[in-house]
Amino acid sequence: MCYKCGKWWQSSYTTVIWRARWDIGIVQIAIEKQGCRKCNKKCQGFLIDEEQIEFTLDCMCMWILEVFYGIKNEKNEGTDDEPDKEEESNGPHDSERCQAGKKGTCRKCKIIKRRLN
């Protein structure tokens, strides 16, 4: 929901970015924003259920273990950071107003762009 004009939409995709600085012991997490079609205000996306939050935190922990400690999950075949094909959202995605898409970090925007080319 846009907190400026009150327009409501159901987001079909949210990009979560995390960075870590080993030297100062900081992990930063950003949930990218989506622009409102009515007033164009950038609205914060969010993870709506416990399963999505758990999936995101599991991915982050696996990334930290591999990058900083050299520990790889032997069960991981390189696809655990992406949703299963049957769970992939096919709903609309406003690429023009996607903050992550403008940064080049939105996987959904990349898929849409490939389809157009």
N, C-alpha and C. Protein backbone atom coordinates (compact mmCIF):
# COMPACT_ATOMS: atom_id res chain seq x y z
N MET A 1 0.84 -1.18 0.00
CA MET A 1 0.00 0.00 0.00
C MET A 1 0.88 1.24 0.00
N CYS A 2 0.49 2.24 -0.77
CA CYS A 2 1.21 3.50 -0.79
C CYS A 2 0.79 4.33 0.41
N TYR A 3 1.77 4.73 1.18
CA TYR A 3 1.48 5.50 2.39
C TYR A 3 1.21 6.97 2.09
N LYS A 4 1.47 7.41 0.85
CA LYS A 4 1.20 8.80 0.48
C LYS A 4 -0.23 8.97 -0.03
N CYS A 5 -0.63 8.12 -1.01
CA CYS A 5 -1.95 8.31 -1.63
C CYS A 5 -2.97 7.23 -1.28
N GLY A 6 -2.53 6.13 -0.64
CA GLY A 6 -3.45 5.08 -0.23
C GLY A 6 -3.73 4.01 -1.26
N LYS A 7 -3.13 4.10 -2.47
CA LYS A 7 -3.35 3.07 -3.50
C LYS A 7 -2.82 1.73 -2.99
N TRP A 8 -3.56 0.69 -3.30
CA TRP A 8 -3.22 -0.67 -2.87
C TRP A 8 -2.92 -1.52 -4.10
N TRP A 9 -1.90 -2.35 -4.03
CA TRP A 9 -1.63 -3.34 -5.07
C TRP A 9 -0.98 -4.53 -4.42
N GLN A 10 -1.07 -5.65 -5.09
CA GLN A 10 -0.45 -6.86 -4.57
C GLN A 10 0.82 -7.10 -5.34
N SER A 11 1.93 -6.91 -4.66
CA SER A 11 3.23 -7.10 -5.29
C SER A 11 3.44 -8.58 -5.55
N SER A 12 3.92 -8.90 -6.72
CA SER A 12 4.14 -10.29 -7.04
C SER A 12 5.61 -10.68 -6.88
N TYR A 13 6.45 -9.70 -6.54
CA TYR A 13 7.88 -10.00 -6.45
C TYR A 13 8.58 -8.96 -5.59
N THR A 14 9.46 -9.38 -4.71
CA THR A 14 10.25 -8.49 -3.87
C THR A 14 11.70 -8.93 -3.93
N THR A 15 12.61 -7.98 -4.08
CA THR A 15 14.03 -8.26 -4.09
C THR A 15 14.63 -7.86 -2.75
N VAL A 16 15.39 -8.78 -2.16
CA VAL A 16 16.08 -8.51 -0.90
C VAL A 16 17.58 -8.57 -1.20
N ILE A 17 18.28 -7.49 -0.80
CA ILE A 17 19.72 -7.39 -1.02
C ILE A 17 20.41 -7.38 0.34
N TRP A 18 21.50 -8.12 0.46
CA TRP A 18 22.28 -8.03 1.68
C TRP A 18 23.75 -7.86 1.34
N ARG A 19 24.42 -7.11 2.23
CA ARG A 19 25.85 -6.87 2.11
C ARG A 19 26.47 -7.14 3.47
N ALA A 20 27.73 -7.51 3.46
CA ALA A 20 28.41 -7.76 4.72
C ALA A 20 29.82 -7.18 4.66
N ARG A 21 30.24 -6.62 5.77
CA ARG A 21 31.60 -6.10 5.90
C ARG A 21 32.28 -6.90 7.01
N TRP A 22 33.13 -7.81 6.63
CA TRP A 22 33.82 -8.66 7.58
C TRP A 22 34.69 -7.85 8.53
N ASP A 23 35.39 -6.83 7.99
CA ASP A 23 36.34 -6.07 8.79
C ASP A 23 35.70 -5.30 9.94
N ILE A 24 34.43 -4.90 9.80
CA ILE A 24 33.77 -4.17 10.90
C ILE A 24 32.58 -4.93 11.46
N GLY A 25 32.34 -6.14 10.96
CA GLY A 25 31.30 -7.01 11.53
C GLY A 25 29.88 -6.53 11.33
N ILE A 26 29.57 -6.01 10.14
CA ILE A 26 28.23 -5.50 9.86
C ILE A 26 27.59 -6.27 8.71
N VAL A 27 26.33 -6.64 8.89
CA VAL A 27 25.52 -7.21 7.81
C VAL A 27 24.35 -6.26 7.60
N GLN A 28 24.17 -5.82 6.36
CA GLN A 28 23.07 -4.92 6.03
C GLN A 28 22.08 -5.65 5.13
N ILE A 29 20.81 -5.44 5.41
CA ILE A 29 19.75 -6.05 4.60
C ILE A 29 18.85 -4.94 4.08
N ALA A 30 18.55 -4.98 2.78
CA ALA A 30 17.64 -3.98 2.19
C ALA A 30 16.54 -4.71 1.43
N ILE A 31 15.31 -4.33 1.72
CA ILE A 31 14.17 -4.81 0.94
C ILE A 31 13.86 -3.69 -0.04
N GLU A 32 14.06 -3.95 -1.32
CA GLU A 32 13.96 -2.90 -2.34
C GLU A 32 12.54 -2.35 -2.45
N LYS A 33 12.44 -1.11 -2.91
CA LYS A 33 11.16 -0.41 -2.99
C LYS A 33 10.57 -0.50 -4.38
N GLN A 34 9.26 -0.25 -4.45
CA GLN A 34 8.49 -0.23 -5.69
C GLN A 34 7.76 1.10 -5.76
N GLY A 35 7.81 1.75 -6.92
CA GLY A 35 7.11 3.02 -7.09
C GLY A 35 5.61 2.82 -7.27
N CYS A 36 4.83 3.70 -6.67
CA CYS A 36 3.37 3.67 -6.79
C CYS A 36 2.97 4.20 -8.17
N ARG A 37 2.05 3.52 -8.84
CA ARG A 37 1.58 3.96 -10.17
C ARG A 37 0.76 5.25 -10.11
N LYS A 38 0.13 5.49 -8.97
CA LYS A 38 -0.73 6.66 -8.85
C LYS A 38 0.07 7.94 -8.56
N CYS A 39 0.95 7.90 -7.56
CA CYS A 39 1.69 9.13 -7.17
C CYS A 39 3.20 9.01 -7.36
N ASN A 40 3.69 7.81 -7.70
CA ASN A 40 5.10 7.51 -7.97
C ASN A 40 6.00 7.55 -6.73
N LYS A 41 5.41 7.59 -5.53
CA LYS A 41 6.21 7.52 -4.30
C LYS A 41 6.83 6.12 -4.21
N LYS A 42 8.06 6.04 -3.73
CA LYS A 42 8.72 4.75 -3.52
C LYS A 42 8.18 4.13 -2.24
N CYS A 43 7.57 2.96 -2.36
CA CYS A 43 6.96 2.27 -1.22
C CYS A 43 7.81 1.06 -0.87
N GLN A 44 8.05 0.86 0.40
CA GLN A 44 8.87 -0.25 0.88
C GLN A 44 8.15 -1.57 0.68
N GLY A 45 8.82 -2.51 0.06
CA GLY A 45 8.27 -3.86 -0.04
C GLY A 45 8.45 -4.57 1.29
N PHE A 46 7.85 -5.72 1.44
CA PHE A 46 8.01 -6.46 2.68
C PHE A 46 7.80 -7.94 2.43
N LEU A 47 8.32 -8.73 3.34
CA LEU A 47 8.12 -10.18 3.30
C LEU A 47 6.88 -10.45 4.12
N ILE A 48 5.91 -11.15 3.52
CA ILE A 48 4.60 -11.21 4.15
C ILE A 48 4.35 -12.42 5.03
N ASP A 49 5.16 -13.43 4.93
CA ASP A 49 4.88 -14.56 5.82
C ASP A 49 6.17 -15.17 6.36
N GLU A 50 6.01 -15.98 7.36
CA GLU A 50 7.13 -16.58 8.06
C GLU A 50 8.00 -17.42 7.12
N GLU A 51 7.40 -18.11 6.17
CA GLU A 51 8.14 -18.95 5.25
C GLU A 51 9.09 -18.12 4.38
N GLN A 52 8.62 -16.96 3.91
CA GLN A 52 9.47 -16.09 3.09
C GLN A 52 10.62 -15.52 3.91
N ILE A 53 10.34 -15.13 5.14
CA ILE A 53 11.39 -14.61 6.01
C ILE A 53 12.42 -15.69 6.30
N GLU A 54 11.96 -16.89 6.59
CA GLU A 54 12.87 -18.01 6.87
C GLU A 54 13.73 -18.34 5.65
N PHE A 55 13.13 -18.36 4.45
CA PHE A 55 13.87 -18.63 3.21
C PHE A 55 14.97 -17.59 3.02
N THR A 56 14.63 -16.32 3.22
CA THR A 56 15.59 -15.23 3.03
C THR A 56 16.73 -15.32 4.02
N LEU A 57 16.43 -15.58 5.29
CA LEU A 57 17.48 -15.69 6.30
C LEU A 57 18.36 -16.91 6.08
N ASP A 58 17.76 -18.02 5.65
CA ASP A 58 18.56 -19.21 5.33
C ASP A 58 19.55 -18.92 4.21
N CYS A 59 19.09 -18.23 3.17
CA CYS A 59 19.98 -17.87 2.05
C CYS A 59 21.11 -16.97 2.53
N MET A 60 20.78 -16.00 3.37
CA MET A 60 21.80 -15.08 3.87
C MET A 60 22.83 -15.83 4.71
N CYS A 61 22.38 -16.71 5.58
CA CYS A 61 23.30 -17.47 6.42
C CYS A 61 24.21 -18.37 5.59
N MET A 62 23.67 -19.01 4.56
CA MET A 62 24.47 -19.86 3.69
C MET A 62 25.51 -19.02 2.95
N TRP A 63 25.12 -17.82 2.51
CA TRP A 63 26.04 -16.93 1.81
C TRP A 63 27.17 -16.51 2.75
N ILE A 64 26.85 -16.11 3.98
CA ILE A 64 27.88 -15.70 4.94
C ILE A 64 28.83 -16.86 5.24
N LEU A 65 28.29 -18.06 5.45
CA LEU A 65 29.14 -19.21 5.72
C LEU A 65 30.11 -19.49 4.57
N GLU A 66 29.63 -19.38 3.34
CA GLU A 66 30.48 -19.66 2.19
C GLU A 66 31.50 -18.56 1.95
N VAL A 67 31.05 -17.30 1.92
CA VAL A 67 31.93 -16.19 1.60
C VAL A 67 32.97 -15.93 2.68
N PHE A 68 32.56 -15.92 3.94
CA PHE A 68 33.46 -15.53 5.01
C PHE A 68 34.18 -16.69 5.70
N TYR A 69 33.57 -17.87 5.66
CA TYR A 69 34.17 -18.99 6.37
C TYR A 69 34.57 -20.14 5.45
N GLY A 70 34.26 -20.04 4.18
CA GLY A 70 34.62 -21.09 3.23
C GLY A 70 33.85 -22.38 3.41
N ILE A 71 32.71 -22.32 4.10
CA ILE A 71 31.90 -23.51 4.36
C ILE A 71 30.78 -23.57 3.32
N LYS A 72 30.80 -24.62 2.52
CA LYS A 72 29.75 -24.78 1.51
C LYS A 72 28.76 -25.83 1.96
N ASN A 73 27.49 -25.60 1.62
CA ASN A 73 26.45 -26.58 1.89
C ASN A 73 26.55 -27.63 0.80
N GLU A 74 26.93 -28.85 1.16
CA GLU A 74 27.11 -29.89 0.15
C GLU A 74 25.81 -30.31 -0.50
N LYS A 75 24.67 -30.06 0.16
CA LYS A 75 23.38 -30.36 -0.42
C LYS A 75 22.97 -29.32 -1.45
N ASN A 76 23.59 -28.15 -1.39
CA ASN A 76 23.25 -27.04 -2.27
C ASN A 76 23.86 -27.27 -3.65
N GLU A 77 23.00 -27.33 -4.65
CA GLU A 77 23.45 -27.52 -6.02
C GLU A 77 23.43 -26.21 -6.79
N GLY A 78 23.45 -25.08 -6.09
CA GLY A 78 23.49 -23.78 -6.74
C GLY A 78 22.13 -23.19 -7.06
N THR A 79 21.05 -23.86 -6.67
CA THR A 79 19.72 -23.34 -7.01
C THR A 79 18.89 -23.00 -5.79
N ASP A 80 19.45 -23.17 -4.59
CA ASP A 80 18.65 -22.90 -3.38
C ASP A 80 18.33 -21.43 -3.18
N ASP A 81 19.03 -20.54 -3.91
CA ASP A 81 18.75 -19.12 -3.74
C ASP A 81 17.67 -18.63 -4.70
N GLU A 82 17.06 -19.54 -5.42
CA GLU A 82 15.98 -19.19 -6.34
C GLU A 82 14.76 -20.03 -6.02
N PRO A 83 13.56 -19.45 -6.21
CA PRO A 83 12.35 -20.22 -5.93
C PRO A 83 12.18 -21.37 -6.93
N ASP A 84 11.45 -22.39 -6.51
CA ASP A 84 11.14 -23.48 -7.42
C ASP A 84 10.31 -22.94 -8.58
N LYS A 85 10.46 -23.53 -9.76
CA LYS A 85 9.76 -23.04 -10.95
C LYS A 85 8.25 -22.99 -10.74
N GLU A 86 7.69 -23.98 -10.04
CA GLU A 86 6.25 -23.98 -9.81
C GLU A 86 5.82 -22.91 -8.81
N GLU A 87 6.78 -22.41 -8.00
CA GLU A 87 6.47 -21.36 -7.05
C GLU A 87 6.81 -19.98 -7.60
N GLU A 88 7.45 -19.89 -8.75
CA GLU A 88 7.83 -18.61 -9.36
C GLU A 88 6.59 -17.80 -9.68
N SER A 89 6.60 -16.54 -9.28
CA SER A 89 5.47 -15.65 -9.52
C SER A 89 5.34 -15.32 -11.00
N ASN A 90 4.16 -15.47 -11.54
CA ASN A 90 3.88 -15.07 -12.92
C ASN A 90 3.00 -13.83 -12.96
N GLY A 91 2.79 -13.23 -11.80
CA GLY A 91 1.96 -12.03 -11.70
C GLY A 91 2.64 -10.84 -12.34
N PRO A 92 1.92 -9.73 -12.42
CA PRO A 92 2.48 -8.53 -13.05
C PRO A 92 3.64 -7.96 -12.23
N HIS A 93 4.56 -7.32 -12.94
CA HIS A 93 5.70 -6.68 -12.29
C HIS A 93 5.96 -5.36 -13.00
N ASP A 94 5.91 -4.27 -12.28
CA ASP A 94 6.09 -2.94 -12.84
C ASP A 94 7.58 -2.62 -12.89
N SER A 95 8.24 -3.06 -13.94
CA SER A 95 9.68 -2.89 -14.08
C SER A 95 10.11 -1.43 -14.10
N GLU A 96 9.27 -0.57 -14.64
CA GLU A 96 9.60 0.86 -14.73
C GLU A 96 9.75 1.50 -13.35
N ARG A 97 9.05 0.98 -12.36
CA ARG A 97 9.06 1.57 -11.02
C ARG A 97 9.78 0.69 -10.00
N CYS A 98 10.50 -0.30 -10.47
CA CYS A 98 11.19 -1.24 -9.59
C CYS A 98 12.59 -0.70 -9.24
N GLN A 99 12.82 -0.43 -7.96
CA GLN A 99 14.10 0.12 -7.51
C GLN A 99 15.24 -0.86 -7.79
N ALA A 100 15.04 -2.14 -7.52
CA ALA A 100 16.08 -3.14 -7.77
C ALA A 100 16.36 -3.28 -9.26
N GLY A 101 15.31 -3.17 -10.09
CA GLY A 101 15.49 -3.25 -11.54
C GLY A 101 16.38 -2.13 -12.06
N LYS A 102 16.20 -0.95 -11.52
CA LYS A 102 17.03 0.19 -11.93
C LYS A 102 18.49 0.00 -11.52
N LYS A 103 18.72 -0.76 -10.46
CA LYS A 103 20.08 -1.06 -10.01
C LYS A 103 20.66 -2.29 -10.71
N GLY A 104 19.80 -3.02 -11.45
CA GLY A 104 20.25 -4.23 -12.13
C GLY A 104 20.28 -5.45 -11.24
N THR A 105 19.60 -5.40 -10.08
CA THR A 105 19.62 -6.54 -9.15
C THR A 105 18.31 -7.31 -9.09
N CYS A 106 17.31 -6.92 -9.86
CA CYS A 106 16.02 -7.61 -9.83
C CYS A 106 15.99 -8.73 -10.87
N ARG A 107 15.86 -9.95 -10.38
CA ARG A 107 15.83 -11.10 -11.28
C ARG A 107 14.59 -11.08 -12.16
N LYS A 108 13.46 -10.62 -11.61
CA LYS A 108 12.21 -10.56 -12.38
C LYS A 108 12.34 -9.59 -13.55
N CYS A 109 12.96 -8.42 -13.31
CA CYS A 109 13.17 -7.45 -14.40
C CYS A 109 14.07 -8.03 -15.49
N LYS A 110 15.09 -8.78 -15.08
CA LYS A 110 16.00 -9.41 -16.05
C LYS A 110 15.26 -10.42 -16.92
N ILE A 111 14.36 -11.20 -16.30
CA ILE A 111 13.58 -12.19 -17.05
C ILE A 111 12.66 -11.48 -18.05
N ILE A 112 11.99 -10.42 -17.61
CA ILE A 112 11.10 -9.66 -18.50
C ILE A 112 11.90 -9.07 -19.65
N LYS A 113 13.05 -8.52 -19.37
CA LYS A 113 13.89 -7.90 -20.41
C LYS A 113 14.34 -8.94 -21.44
N ARG A 114 14.70 -10.15 -20.98
CA ARG A 114 15.10 -11.23 -21.91
C ARG A 114 13.95 -11.62 -22.82
N ARG A 115 12.72 -11.66 -22.26
CA ARG A 115 11.56 -12.04 -23.07
C ARG A 115 11.28 -11.01 -24.16
N LEU A 116 11.57 -9.73 -23.86
CA LEU A 116 11.32 -8.66 -24.83
C LEU A 116 12.35 -8.63 -25.95
N ASN A 117 13.54 -9.13 -25.67
CA ASN A 117 14.63 -9.12 -26.68
C ASN A 117 14.55 -10.28 -27.62
